[in-house]
């Protein structure tokens, strides 16, 4: 277990170094002169004075060799200095911190709803394969996977905000602002979680220890609750981590439609405004956090699964 942990941490460090290099090179590989791009984002004028371009190049240190520039940028990033936004003029780190807090809240709420519905529903479907609940669950999975969020979100606003008036249509002002976007965002992971739980539980319920438990007189419900649910829900831990990592920066559609000041919307606006420091900082933050989340999930999976743990011990 300790050797695996050290191996994962080493891989984590190497991956973060690679991510930082890619983020640093974003303005250089996106086409055109990065200094000219910076100036155009500030003055909104395509005809930039060449003298101003050269002065800005020297001021930003972009006249130095790329390895020197990368070393300086990485050192500053390690100290929490990701530069200043071209759009707001505020520190990139503080802007990302606020946006990440919003996105984490939204993602955890959505995935919490998804898991709370998916695990019992998938388990129930697995105990009666081919039955009414199983058929309805399969239909639900197919519907939620096939329905795009850019259609669900406006429909949710139309019904629950405009027609019924139960929830706000947009903004991030109170807990009620979280309900509708979290519900919309939860449907697709809910479908995948349900499918995974159902498939895993069907395998678990055929295991010898389940048969032995049933032979001792335990009901199906008691057998599932005492012996099956833990192993049946283990894959959801991995899927939860994968979805959490993906939703931190991948909820662009939901955050833009509902006017939520999260990471997806922040990066969208950075692209539109050519805000290079925000793009670099946002990319590094999201990918680094995603790698960290998946590493933690992998370690938890090993810790919670005796079979995997004993396999690594040998």
C-alpha atoms as a PDB file:
ATOM      1  CA  UNK A   1       0.000   0.000   0.000  1.00  0.00           C
ATOM      2  CA  UNK A   2       2.801   2.421   0.902  1.00  0.00           C
ATOM      3  CA  UNK A   3       4.739   1.566  -2.265  1.00  0.00           C
ATOM      4  CA  UNK A   4       1.619   2.190  -4.363  1.00  0.00           C
ATOM      5  CA  UNK A   5       1.044   5.509  -2.623  1.00  0.00           C
ATOM      6  CA  UNK A   6       4.622   6.645  -3.292  1.00  0.00           C
ATOM      7  CA  UNK A   7       4.319   5.534  -6.914  1.00  0.00           C
ATOM      8  CA  UNK A   8       1.103   7.516  -7.354  1.00  0.00           C
ATOM      9  CA  UNK A   9       2.639  10.605  -5.781  1.00  0.00           C
ATOM     10  CA  UNK A  10       5.644  10.386  -8.116  1.00  0.00           C
ATOM     11  CA  UNK A  11       3.368  10.056 -11.140  1.00  0.00           C
ATOM     12  CA  UNK A  12       1.266  12.941  -9.800  1.00  0.00           C
ATOM     13  CA  UNK A  13       4.319  15.200  -9.591  1.00  0.00           C
ATOM     14  CA  UNK A  14       5.466  14.334 -13.133  1.00  0.00           C
ATOM     15  CA  UNK A  15       1.986  14.891 -14.552  1.00  0.00           C
ATOM     16  CA  UNK A  16       1.667  18.262 -12.826  1.00  0.00           C
ATOM     17  CA  UNK A  17       5.019  19.303 -14.271  1.00  0.00           C
ATOM     18  CA  UNK A  18       3.854  18.309 -17.744  1.00  0.00           C
ATOM     19  CA  UNK A  19       0.570  20.196 -17.288  1.00  0.00           C
ATOM     20  CA  UNK A  20       2.409  23.333 -16.204  1.00  0.00           C
ATOM     21  CA  UNK A  21       4.591  23.178 -19.330  1.00  0.00           C
ATOM     22  CA  UNK A  22       1.545  22.810 -21.603  1.00  0.00           C
ATOM     23  CA  UNK A  23      -0.202  25.723 -19.880  1.00  0.00           C
ATOM     24  CA  UNK A  24       2.888  27.904 -20.201  1.00  0.00           C
ATOM     25  CA  UNK A  25       3.110  27.167 -23.933  1.00  0.00           C
ATOM     26  CA  UNK A  26      -0.568  28.002 -24.623  1.00  0.00           C
ATOM     27  CA  UNK A  27       0.062  31.578 -25.874  1.00  0.00           C
ATOM     28  CA  UNK A  28       3.042  30.426 -27.965  1.00  0.00           C
ATOM     29  CA  UNK A  29       1.308  27.564 -29.803  1.00  0.00           C
ATOM     30  CA  UNK A  30      -2.088  29.229 -30.291  1.00  0.00           C
ATOM     31  CA  UNK A  31      -0.846  31.055 -33.385  1.00  0.00           C
ATOM     32  CA  UNK A  32       0.483  34.554 -33.761  1.00  0.00           C
ATOM     33  CA  UNK A  33       2.613  36.678 -31.482  1.00  0.00           C
ATOM     34  CA  UNK A  34       1.622  36.271 -27.800  1.00  0.00           C
ATOM     35  CA  UNK A  35       2.646  39.871 -27.039  1.00  0.00           C
ATOM     36  CA  UNK A  36       0.445  41.173 -29.850  1.00  0.00           C
ATOM     37  CA  UNK A  37      -2.412  39.012 -28.543  1.00  0.00           C
ATOM     38  CA  UNK A  38      -1.969  40.492 -25.055  1.00  0.00           C
ATOM     39  CA  UNK A  39      -2.010  44.053 -26.378  1.00  0.00           C
ATOM     40  CA  UNK A  40      -5.052  43.439 -28.550  1.00  0.00           C
ATOM     41  CA  UNK A  41      -6.908  42.006 -25.549  1.00  0.00           C
ATOM     42  CA  UNK A  42      -6.183  45.213 -23.647  1.00  0.00           C
ATOM     43  CA  UNK A  43      -6.737  47.915 -26.261  1.00  0.00           C
ATOM     44  CA  UNK A  44      -9.277  46.089 -28.467  1.00  0.00           C
ATOM     45  CA  UNK A  45      -7.501  47.333 -31.571  1.00  0.00           C
ATOM     46  CA  UNK A  46      -6.142  45.142 -34.366  1.00  0.00           C
ATOM     47  CA  UNK A  47      -3.647  47.825 -35.456  1.00  0.00           C
ATOM     48  CA  UNK A  48      -1.117  47.645 -32.628  1.00  0.00           C
ATOM     49  CA  UNK A  49       1.937  49.914 -32.693  1.00  0.00           C
ATOM     50  CA  UNK A  50       5.100  47.796 -33.295  1.00  0.00           C
ATOM     51  CA  UNK A  51       7.024  49.945 -30.785  1.00  0.00           C
ATOM     52  CA  UNK A  52       4.384  49.154 -28.151  1.00  0.00           C
ATOM     53  CA  UNK A  53       4.716  45.455 -28.978  1.00  0.00           C
ATOM     54  CA  UNK A  54       8.482  45.473 -28.426  1.00  0.00           C
ATOM     55  CA  UNK A  55       8.185  47.545 -25.227  1.00  0.00           C
ATOM     56  CA  UNK A  56       5.607  45.087 -23.855  1.00  0.00           C
ATOM     57  CA  UNK A  57       7.803  42.136 -24.857  1.00  0.00           C
ATOM     58  CA  UNK A  58      10.700  43.500 -22.792  1.00  0.00           C
ATOM     59  CA  UNK A  59       8.418  44.478 -19.900  1.00  0.00           C
ATOM     60  CA  UNK A  60       6.956  40.957 -19.659  1.00  0.00           C
ATOM     61  CA  UNK A  61      10.336  39.295 -20.069  1.00  0.00           C
ATOM     62  CA  UNK A  62       9.236  37.566 -23.268  1.00  0.00           C
ATOM     63  CA  UNK A  63      12.463  38.554 -24.990  1.00  0.00           C
ATOM     64  CA  UNK A  64      14.341  35.981 -22.884  1.00  0.00           C
ATOM     65  CA  UNK A  65      14.882  32.312 -23.898  1.00  0.00           C
ATOM     66  CA  UNK A  66      11.824  30.072 -23.430  1.00  0.00           C
ATOM     67  CA  UNK A  67      13.427  27.823 -20.753  1.00  0.00           C
ATOM     68  CA  UNK A  68      14.222  30.919 -18.657  1.00  0.00           C
ATOM     69  CA  UNK A  69      10.679  32.225 -19.113  1.00  0.00           C
ATOM     70  CA  UNK A  70       9.203  28.852 -18.127  1.00  0.00           C
ATOM     71  CA  UNK A  71      11.393  28.581 -15.043  1.00  0.00           C
ATOM     72  CA  UNK A  72      10.364  32.065 -13.893  1.00  0.00           C
ATOM     73  CA  UNK A  73       6.681  31.414 -14.572  1.00  0.00           C
ATOM     74  CA  UNK A  74       6.758  28.037 -12.782  1.00  0.00           C
ATOM     75  CA  UNK A  75       8.499  29.471  -9.736  1.00  0.00           C
ATOM     76  CA  UNK A  76       5.932  32.250  -9.464  1.00  0.00           C
ATOM     77  CA  UNK A  77       3.084  29.761  -9.950  1.00  0.00           C
ATOM     78  CA  UNK A  78       4.423  27.556  -7.146  1.00  0.00           C
ATOM     79  CA  UNK A  79       4.265  30.607  -4.895  1.00  0.00           C
ATOM     80  CA  UNK A  80       0.633  31.186  -5.871  1.00  0.00           C
ATOM     81  CA  UNK A  81       1.358  34.044  -8.265  1.00  0.00           C
ATOM     82  CA  UNK A  82      -0.452  33.333 -11.547  1.00  0.00           C
ATOM     83  CA  UNK A  83      -0.347  36.921 -12.729  1.00  0.00           C
ATOM     84  CA  UNK A  84      -3.178  39.402 -13.218  1.00  0.00           C
ATOM     85  CA  UNK A  85      -6.276  39.133 -15.369  1.00  0.00           C
ATOM     86  CA  UNK A  86      -6.249  41.310 -18.470  1.00  0.00           C
ATOM     87  CA  UNK A  87     -10.002  41.773 -18.143  1.00  0.00           C
ATOM     88  CA  UNK A  88     -10.568  42.571 -14.461  1.00  0.00           C
ATOM     89  CA  UNK A  89      -7.038  43.529 -13.409  1.00  0.00           C
ATOM     90  CA  UNK A  90      -7.385  41.341 -10.320  1.00  0.00           C
ATOM     91  CA  UNK A  91      -5.012  38.507  -9.346  1.00  0.00           C
ATOM     92  CA  UNK A  92      -5.728  35.357 -11.331  1.00  0.00           C
ATOM     93  CA  UNK A  93      -5.289  33.153  -8.252  1.00  0.00           C
ATOM     94  CA  UNK A  94      -8.030  34.943  -6.301  1.00  0.00           C
ATOM     95  CA  UNK A  95     -10.393  34.887  -9.302  1.00  0.00           C
ATOM     96  CA  UNK A  96      -9.814  31.161  -9.769  1.00  0.00           C
ATOM     97  CA  UNK A  97     -10.228  30.526  -6.033  1.00  0.00           C
ATOM     98  CA  UNK A  98     -13.672  32.134  -6.027  1.00  0.00           C
ATOM     99  CA  UNK A  99     -14.760  30.374  -9.206  1.00  0.00           C
ATOM    100  CA  UNK A 100     -13.488  26.971  -8.029  1.00  0.00           C
ATOM    101  CA  UNK A 101     -15.459  27.319  -4.792  1.00  0.00           C
ATOM    102  CA  UNK A 102     -18.637  27.832  -6.804  1.00  0.00           C
ATOM    103  CA  UNK A 103     -17.913  24.972  -9.219  1.00  0.00           C
ATOM    104  CA  UNK A 104     -17.006  22.544  -6.419  1.00  0.00           C
ATOM    105  CA  UNK A 105     -20.263  23.371  -4.607  1.00  0.00           C
ATOM    106  CA  UNK A 106     -22.295  22.887  -7.780  1.00  0.00           C
ATOM    107  CA  UNK A 107     -20.514  19.671  -8.787  1.00  0.00           C
ATOM    108  CA  UNK A 108     -20.666  18.051  -5.330  1.00  0.00           C
ATOM    109  CA  UNK A 109     -24.360  18.880  -4.986  1.00  0.00           C
ATOM    110  CA  UNK A 110     -25.161  17.492  -8.436  1.00  0.00           C
ATOM    111  CA  UNK A 111     -23.140  14.314  -7.885  1.00  0.00           C
ATOM    112  CA  UNK A 112     -24.564  13.890  -4.383  1.00  0.00           C
ATOM    113  CA  UNK A 113     -28.082  13.953  -5.849  1.00  0.00           C
ATOM    114  CA  UNK A 114     -26.998  11.541  -8.587  1.00  0.00           C
ATOM    115  CA  UNK A 115     -25.441   9.040  -6.170  1.00  0.00           C
ATOM    116  CA  UNK A 116     -28.345   9.256  -3.694  1.00  0.00           C
ATOM    117  CA  UNK A 117     -30.772   8.216  -6.427  1.00  0.00           C
ATOM    118  CA  UNK A 118     -28.537   5.926  -8.481  1.00  0.00           C
ATOM    119  CA  UNK A 119     -27.206   3.543  -5.818  1.00  0.00           C
ATOM    120  CA  UNK A 120     -30.578   2.428  -4.380  1.00  0.00           C
ATOM    121  CA  UNK A 121     -32.228   2.451  -7.826  1.00  0.00           C
ATOM    122  CA  UNK A 122     -29.439   0.443  -9.449  1.00  0.00           C
ATOM    123  CA  UNK A 123     -29.453  -2.002  -6.547  1.00  0.00           C
ATOM    124  CA  UNK A 124     -33.215  -2.457  -6.731  1.00  0.00           C
ATOM    125  CA  UNK A 125     -33.052  -3.041 -10.491  1.00  0.00           C
ATOM    126  CA  UNK A 126     -30.291  -5.642 -10.021  1.00  0.00           C
ATOM    127  CA  UNK A 127     -32.347  -7.636  -7.518  1.00  0.00           C
ATOM    128  CA  UNK A 128     -35.203  -8.000 -10.044  1.00  0.00           C
ATOM    129  CA  UNK A 129     -33.562  -8.206 -13.499  1.00  0.00           C
ATOM    130  CA  UNK A 130     -36.063  -7.974 -16.335  1.00  0.00           C
ATOM    131  CA  UNK A 131     -38.798  -6.706 -14.027  1.00  0.00           C
ATOM    132  CA  UNK A 132     -40.790  -3.487 -14.133  1.00  0.00           C
ATOM    133  CA  UNK A 133     -38.259  -1.488 -12.088  1.00  0.00           C
ATOM    134  CA  UNK A 134     -35.370  -2.778 -14.203  1.00  0.00           C
ATOM    135  CA  UNK A 135     -37.127  -1.863 -17.465  1.00  0.00           C
ATOM    136  CA  UNK A 136     -38.059   1.583 -16.175  1.00  0.00           C
ATOM    137  CA  UNK A 137     -34.489   2.101 -14.976  1.00  0.00           C
ATOM    138  CA  UNK A 138     -33.072   1.154 -18.390  1.00  0.00           C
ATOM    139  CA  UNK A 139     -35.455   3.620 -20.065  1.00  0.00           C
ATOM    140  CA  UNK A 140     -34.424   6.346 -17.614  1.00  0.00           C
ATOM    141  CA  UNK A 141     -30.725   5.690 -18.273  1.00  0.00           C
ATOM    142  CA  UNK A 142     -31.176   5.928 -22.031  1.00  0.00           C
ATOM    143  CA  UNK A 143     -33.272   9.097 -21.747  1.00  0.00           C
ATOM    144  CA  UNK A 144     -30.913  10.954 -19.414  1.00  0.00           C
ATOM    145  CA  UNK A 145     -27.817  10.018 -21.434  1.00  0.00           C
ATOM    146  CA  UNK A 146     -29.399  11.092 -24.718  1.00  0.00           C
ATOM    147  CA  UNK A 147     -30.881  14.405 -23.521  1.00  0.00           C
ATOM    148  CA  UNK A 148     -28.432  17.328 -23.856  1.00  0.00           C
ATOM    149  CA  UNK A 149     -27.989  19.825 -21.047  1.00  0.00           C
ATOM    150  CA  UNK A 150     -28.400  22.799 -23.386  1.00  0.00           C
ATOM    151  CA  UNK A 151     -32.009  21.638 -23.886  1.00  0.00           C
ATOM    152  CA  UNK A 152     -32.714  20.531 -20.308  1.00  0.00           C
ATOM    153  CA  UNK A 153     -31.508  23.793 -18.755  1.00  0.00           C
ATOM    154  CA  UNK A 154     -33.854  26.129 -20.695  1.00  0.00           C
ATOM    155  CA  UNK A 155     -36.746  23.698 -20.176  1.00  0.00           C
ATOM    156  CA  UNK A 156     -36.045  23.684 -16.441  1.00  0.00           C
ATOM    157  CA  UNK A 157     -35.996  27.488 -16.374  1.00  0.00           C
ATOM    158  CA  UNK A 158     -39.226  27.632 -18.386  1.00  0.00           C
ATOM    159  CA  UNK A 159     -41.095  25.229 -16.090  1.00  0.00           C
ATOM    160  CA  UNK A 160     -39.720  25.811 -12.582  1.00  0.00           C
ATOM    161  CA  UNK A 161     -38.732  29.491 -12.790  1.00  0.00           C
ATOM    162  CA  UNK A 162     -41.055  31.172 -15.280  1.00  0.00           C
ATOM    163  CA  UNK A 163     -44.198  29.000 -15.184  1.00  0.00           C
ATOM    164  CA  UNK A 164     -44.289  27.724 -11.582  1.00  0.00           C
ATOM    165  CA  UNK A 165     -42.114  30.448 -10.027  1.00  0.00           C
ATOM    166  CA  UNK A 166     -40.576  28.042  -7.530  1.00  0.00           C
ATOM    167  CA  UNK A 167     -36.907  28.744  -8.240  1.00  0.00           C
ATOM    168  CA  UNK A 168     -34.793  31.620  -9.594  1.00  0.00           C
ATOM    169  CA  UNK A 169     -33.955  31.430 -13.288  1.00  0.00           C
ATOM    170  CA  UNK A 170     -30.321  32.506 -12.955  1.00  0.00           C
ATOM    171  CA  UNK A 171     -27.696  33.959 -10.629  1.00  0.00           C
ATOM    172  CA  UNK A 172     -25.827  32.782  -7.556  1.00  0.00           C
ATOM    173  CA  UNK A 173     -27.367  34.566  -4.594  1.00  0.00           C
ATOM    174  CA  UNK A 174     -28.783  31.898  -2.247  1.00  0.00           C
ATOM    175  CA  UNK A 175     -29.229  28.138  -1.820  1.00  0.00           C
ATOM    176  CA  UNK A 176     -32.276  28.278  -4.080  1.00  0.00           C
ATOM    177  CA  UNK A 177     -30.019  29.383  -6.945  1.00  0.00           C
ATOM    178  CA  UNK A 178     -28.218  26.038  -6.615  1.00  0.00           C
ATOM    179  CA  UNK A 179     -31.237  23.725  -6.859  1.00  0.00           C
ATOM    180  CA  UNK A 180     -32.193  23.977 -10.525  1.00  0.00           C
ATOM    181  CA  UNK A 181     -28.693  23.879 -12.092  1.00  0.00           C
ATOM    182  CA  UNK A 182     -27.655  21.055  -9.743  1.00  0.00           C
ATOM    183  CA  UNK A 183     -30.736  19.021 -10.671  1.00  0.00           C
ATOM    184  CA  UNK A 184     -30.103  19.499 -14.399  1.00  0.00           C
ATOM    185  CA  UNK A 185     -26.404  18.712 -13.991  1.00  0.00           C
ATOM    186  CA  UNK A 186     -27.139  15.561 -11.960  1.00  0.00           C
ATOM    187  CA  UNK A 187     -29.215  13.719 -14.557  1.00  0.00           C
ATOM    188  CA  UNK A 188     -26.449  12.428 -16.823  1.00  0.00           C
ATOM    189  CA  UNK A 189     -24.124  11.198 -14.027  1.00  0.00           C
ATOM    190  CA  UNK A 190     -27.209   9.739 -12.351  1.00  0.00           C
ATOM    191  CA  UNK A 191     -27.795   7.597 -15.436  1.00  0.00           C
ATOM    192  CA  UNK A 192     -24.194   6.368 -15.536  1.00  0.00           C
ATOM    193  CA  UNK A 193     -24.060   5.734 -11.774  1.00  0.00           C
ATOM    194  CA  UNK A 194     -27.290   3.732 -11.982  1.00  0.00           C
ATOM    195  CA  UNK A 195     -25.999   1.655 -14.880  1.00  0.00           C
ATOM    196  CA  UNK A 196     -22.707   0.903 -13.132  1.00  0.00           C
ATOM    197  CA  UNK A 197     -24.401   0.072  -9.820  1.00  0.00           C
ATOM    198  CA  UNK A 198     -26.901  -2.237 -11.528  1.00  0.00           C
ATOM    199  CA  UNK A 199     -24.206  -4.103 -13.481  1.00  0.00           C
ATOM    200  CA  UNK A 200     -21.920  -4.448 -10.458  1.00  0.00           C
ATOM    201  CA  UNK A 201     -24.684  -5.539  -8.108  1.00  0.00           C
ATOM    202  CA  UNK A 202     -25.833  -8.225 -10.559  1.00  0.00           C
ATOM    203  CA  UNK A 203     -22.309  -9.686 -10.436  1.00  0.00           C
ATOM    204  CA  UNK A 204     -22.084  -9.323  -6.653  1.00  0.00           C
ATOM    205  CA  UNK A 205     -25.428 -11.067  -6.084  1.00  0.00           C
ATOM    206  CA  UNK A 206     -24.108 -14.145  -7.899  1.00  0.00           C
ATOM    207  CA  UNK A 207     -21.015 -14.376  -5.665  1.00  0.00           C
ATOM    208  CA  UNK A 208     -20.635 -17.440  -3.350  1.00  0.00           C
ATOM    209  CA  UNK A 209     -20.723 -15.377  -0.142  1.00  0.00           C
ATOM    210  CA  UNK A 210     -24.123 -13.974  -1.163  1.00  0.00           C
ATOM    211  CA  UNK A 211     -25.434 -17.497  -1.719  1.00  0.00           C
ATOM    212  CA  UNK A 212     -24.049 -18.523   1.671  1.00  0.00           C
ATOM    213  CA  UNK A 213     -25.727 -15.560   3.350  1.00  0.00           C
ATOM    214  CA  UNK A 214     -29.052 -16.435   1.733  1.00  0.00           C
ATOM    215  CA  UNK A 215     -28.697 -20.068   2.864  1.00  0.00           C
ATOM    216  CA  UNK A 216     -28.398 -18.857   6.465  1.00  0.00           C
ATOM    217  CA  UNK A 217     -31.927 -17.498   6.216  1.00  0.00           C
ATOM    218  CA  UNK A 218     -31.248 -13.860   5.460  1.00  0.00           C
ATOM    219  CA  UNK A 219     -33.760 -12.101   3.253  1.00  0.00           C
ATOM    220  CA  UNK A 220     -32.650 -10.515  -0.011  1.00  0.00           C
ATOM    221  CA  UNK A 221     -32.887  -7.067   1.546  1.00  0.00           C
ATOM    222  CA  UNK A 222     -30.762  -8.074   4.545  1.00  0.00           C
ATOM    223  CA  UNK A 223     -28.212  -9.802   2.291  1.00  0.00           C
ATOM    224  CA  UNK A 224     -27.866  -6.755   0.039  1.00  0.00           C
ATOM    225  CA  UNK A 225     -27.622  -4.292   2.928  1.00  0.00           C
ATOM    226  CA  UNK A 226     -25.111  -6.354   4.961  1.00  0.00           C
ATOM    227  CA  UNK A 227     -22.956  -7.955   2.283  1.00  0.00           C
ATOM    228  CA  UNK A 228     -23.692  -6.659  -1.195  1.00  0.00           C
ATOM    229  CA  UNK A 229     -24.036  -2.910  -1.037  1.00  0.00           C
ATOM    230  CA  UNK A 230     -20.443  -2.117  -0.076  1.00  0.00           C
ATOM    231  CA  UNK A 231     -18.885  -4.082  -2.937  1.00  0.00           C
ATOM    232  CA  UNK A 232     -21.662  -3.101  -5.331  1.00  0.00           C
ATOM    233  CA  UNK A 233     -21.171   0.609  -4.778  1.00  0.00           C
ATOM    234  CA  UNK A 234     -17.359   0.592  -4.945  1.00  0.00           C
ATOM    235  CA  UNK A 235     -17.155   1.427  -8.678  1.00  0.00           C
ATOM    236  CA  UNK A 236     -19.320   4.480  -8.017  1.00  0.00           C
ATOM    237  CA  UNK A 237     -16.405   5.890  -5.984  1.00  0.00           C
ATOM    238  CA  UNK A 238     -14.237   5.884  -9.100  1.00  0.00           C
ATOM    239  CA  UNK A 239     -17.012   7.251 -11.303  1.00  0.00           C
ATOM    240  CA  UNK A 240     -17.808   9.930  -8.728  1.00  0.00           C
ATOM    241  CA  UNK A 241     -14.192  11.126  -8.831  1.00  0.00           C
ATOM    242  CA  UNK A 242     -14.092  11.077 -12.636  1.00  0.00           C
ATOM    243  CA  UNK A 243     -17.285  13.107 -12.890  1.00  0.00           C
ATOM    244  CA  UNK A 244     -16.208  15.525 -10.169  1.00  0.00           C
ATOM    245  CA  UNK A 245     -12.954  16.199 -12.005  1.00  0.00           C
ATOM    246  CA  UNK A 246     -14.810  16.649 -15.275  1.00  0.00           C
ATOM    247  CA  UNK A 247     -17.510  18.943 -13.916  1.00  0.00           C
ATOM    248  CA  UNK A 248     -15.081  21.388 -12.294  1.00  0.00           C
ATOM    249  CA  UNK A 249     -14.305  22.932 -15.665  1.00  0.00           C
ATOM    250  CA  UNK A 250     -16.768  21.092 -17.864  1.00  0.00           C
ATOM    251  CA  UNK A 251     -20.009  22.683 -16.703  1.00  0.00           C
ATOM    252  CA  UNK A 252     -19.651  25.549 -19.168  1.00  0.00           C
ATOM    253  CA  UNK A 253     -23.132  25.197 -20.649  1.00  0.00           C
ATOM    254  CA  UNK A 254     -24.873  25.090 -17.276  1.00  0.00           C
ATOM    255  CA  UNK A 255     -22.819  27.929 -15.796  1.00  0.00           C
ATOM    256  CA  UNK A 256     -23.351  30.186 -18.807  1.00  0.00           C
ATOM    257  CA  UNK A 257     -27.101  29.492 -19.076  1.00  0.00           C
ATOM    258  CA  UNK A 258     -27.716  29.967 -15.339  1.00  0.00           C
ATOM    259  CA  UNK A 259     -25.188  32.855 -15.015  1.00  0.00           C
ATOM    260  CA  UNK A 260     -23.175  30.970 -12.387  1.00  0.00           C
ATOM    261  CA  UNK A 261     -19.715  32.463 -11.655  1.00  0.00           C
ATOM    262  CA  UNK A 262     -17.877  29.123 -11.760  1.00  0.00           C
ATOM    263  CA  UNK A 263     -14.759  27.840 -13.510  1.00  0.00           C
ATOM    264  CA  UNK A 264     -16.552  26.912 -16.732  1.00  0.00           C
ATOM    265  CA  UNK A 265     -17.908  30.407 -17.196  1.00  0.00           C
ATOM    266  CA  UNK A 266     -14.598  31.963 -16.120  1.00  0.00           C
ATOM    267  CA  UNK A 267     -12.684  30.014 -18.783  1.00  0.00           C
ATOM    268  CA  UNK A 268     -15.342  30.740 -21.397  1.00  0.00           C
ATOM    269  CA  UNK A 269     -15.016  34.471 -20.765  1.00  0.00           C
ATOM    270  CA  UNK A 270     -11.213  34.180 -20.739  1.00  0.00           C
ATOM    271  CA  UNK A 271     -11.302  32.638 -24.216  1.00  0.00           C
ATOM    272  CA  UNK A 272     -13.696  35.305 -25.509  1.00  0.00           C
ATOM    273  CA  UNK A 273     -11.592  38.134 -23.996  1.00  0.00           C
ATOM    274  CA  UNK A 274      -8.216  36.563 -24.887  1.00  0.00           C
ATOM    275  CA  UNK A 275      -7.265  36.679 -21.224  1.00  0.00           C
ATOM    276  CA  UNK A 276      -4.017  34.657 -21.422  1.00  0.00           C
ATOM    277  CA  UNK A 277      -3.065  34.620 -17.695  1.00  0.00           C
ATOM    278  CA  UNK A 278      -6.596  33.505 -16.784  1.00  0.00           C
ATOM    279  CA  UNK A 279      -6.483  30.734 -19.386  1.00  0.00           C
ATOM    280  CA  UNK A 280      -3.087  29.542 -18.166  1.00  0.00           C
ATOM    281  CA  UNK A 281      -4.032  29.662 -14.491  1.00  0.00           C
ATOM    282  CA  UNK A 282      -7.435  28.088 -15.063  1.00  0.00           C
ATOM    283  CA  UNK A 283      -6.016  25.265 -17.168  1.00  0.00           C
ATOM    284  CA  UNK A 284      -3.322  24.440 -14.599  1.00  0.00           C
ATOM    285  CA  UNK A 285      -5.749  24.611 -11.687  1.00  0.00           C
ATOM    286  CA  UNK A 286      -8.429  22.397 -13.229  1.00  0.00           C
ATOM    287  CA  UNK A 287      -6.085  19.740 -14.599  1.00  0.00           C
ATOM    288  CA  UNK A 288      -4.005  19.664 -11.394  1.00  0.00           C
ATOM    289  CA  UNK A 289      -7.118  19.333  -9.250  1.00  0.00           C
ATOM    290  CA  UNK A 290      -8.505  16.641 -11.560  1.00  0.00           C
ATOM    291  CA  UNK A 291      -5.295  14.610 -11.310  1.00  0.00           C
ATOM    292  CA  UNK A 292      -5.285  15.017  -7.528  1.00  0.00           C
ATOM    293  CA  UNK A 293      -8.940  13.943  -7.223  1.00  0.00           C
ATOM    294  CA  UNK A 294      -8.410  10.838  -9.346  1.00  0.00           C
ATOM    295  CA  UNK A 295      -5.269   9.931  -7.391  1.00  0.00           C
ATOM    296  CA  UNK A 296      -7.182  10.178  -4.103  1.00  0.00           C
ATOM    297  CA  UNK A 297     -10.038   8.118  -5.575  1.00  0.00           C
ATOM    298  CA  UNK A 298      -7.608   5.421  -6.700  1.00  0.00           C
ATOM    299  CA  UNK A 299      -6.073   5.233  -3.225  1.00  0.00           C
ATOM    300  CA  UNK A 300      -9.521   5.101  -1.592  1.00  0.00           C
ATOM    301  CA  UNK A 301     -10.619   2.339  -3.952  1.00  0.00           C
ATOM    302  CA  UNK A 302      -7.634   0.222  -2.951  1.00  0.00           C
ATOM    303  CA  UNK A 303      -8.212   0.974   0.735  1.00  0.00           C
ATOM    304  CA  UNK A 304     -11.911   0.056   0.571  1.00  0.00           C
ATOM    305  CA  UNK A 305     -11.537  -3.055  -1.590  1.00  0.00           C
ATOM    306  CA  UNK A 306      -9.993  -5.993   0.302  1.00  0.00           C
ATOM    307  CA  UNK A 307      -9.451  -8.023  -2.886  1.00  0.00           C
ATOM    308  CA  UNK A 308      -7.410  -5.286  -4.555  1.00  0.00           C
ATOM    309  CA  UNK A 309      -5.564  -4.565  -1.332  1.00  0.00           C
ATOM    310  CA  UNK A 310      -4.545  -8.197  -0.851  1.00  0.00           C
ATOM    311  CA  UNK A 311      -3.538  -8.436  -4.505  1.00  0.00           C
ATOM    312  CA  UNK A 312      -1.119  -5.500  -4.066  1.00  0.00           C
ATOM    313  CA  UNK A 313       0.177  -7.034  -0.880  1.00  0.00           C
ATOM    314  CA  UNK A 314       1.260 -10.094  -2.836  1.00  0.00           C
END
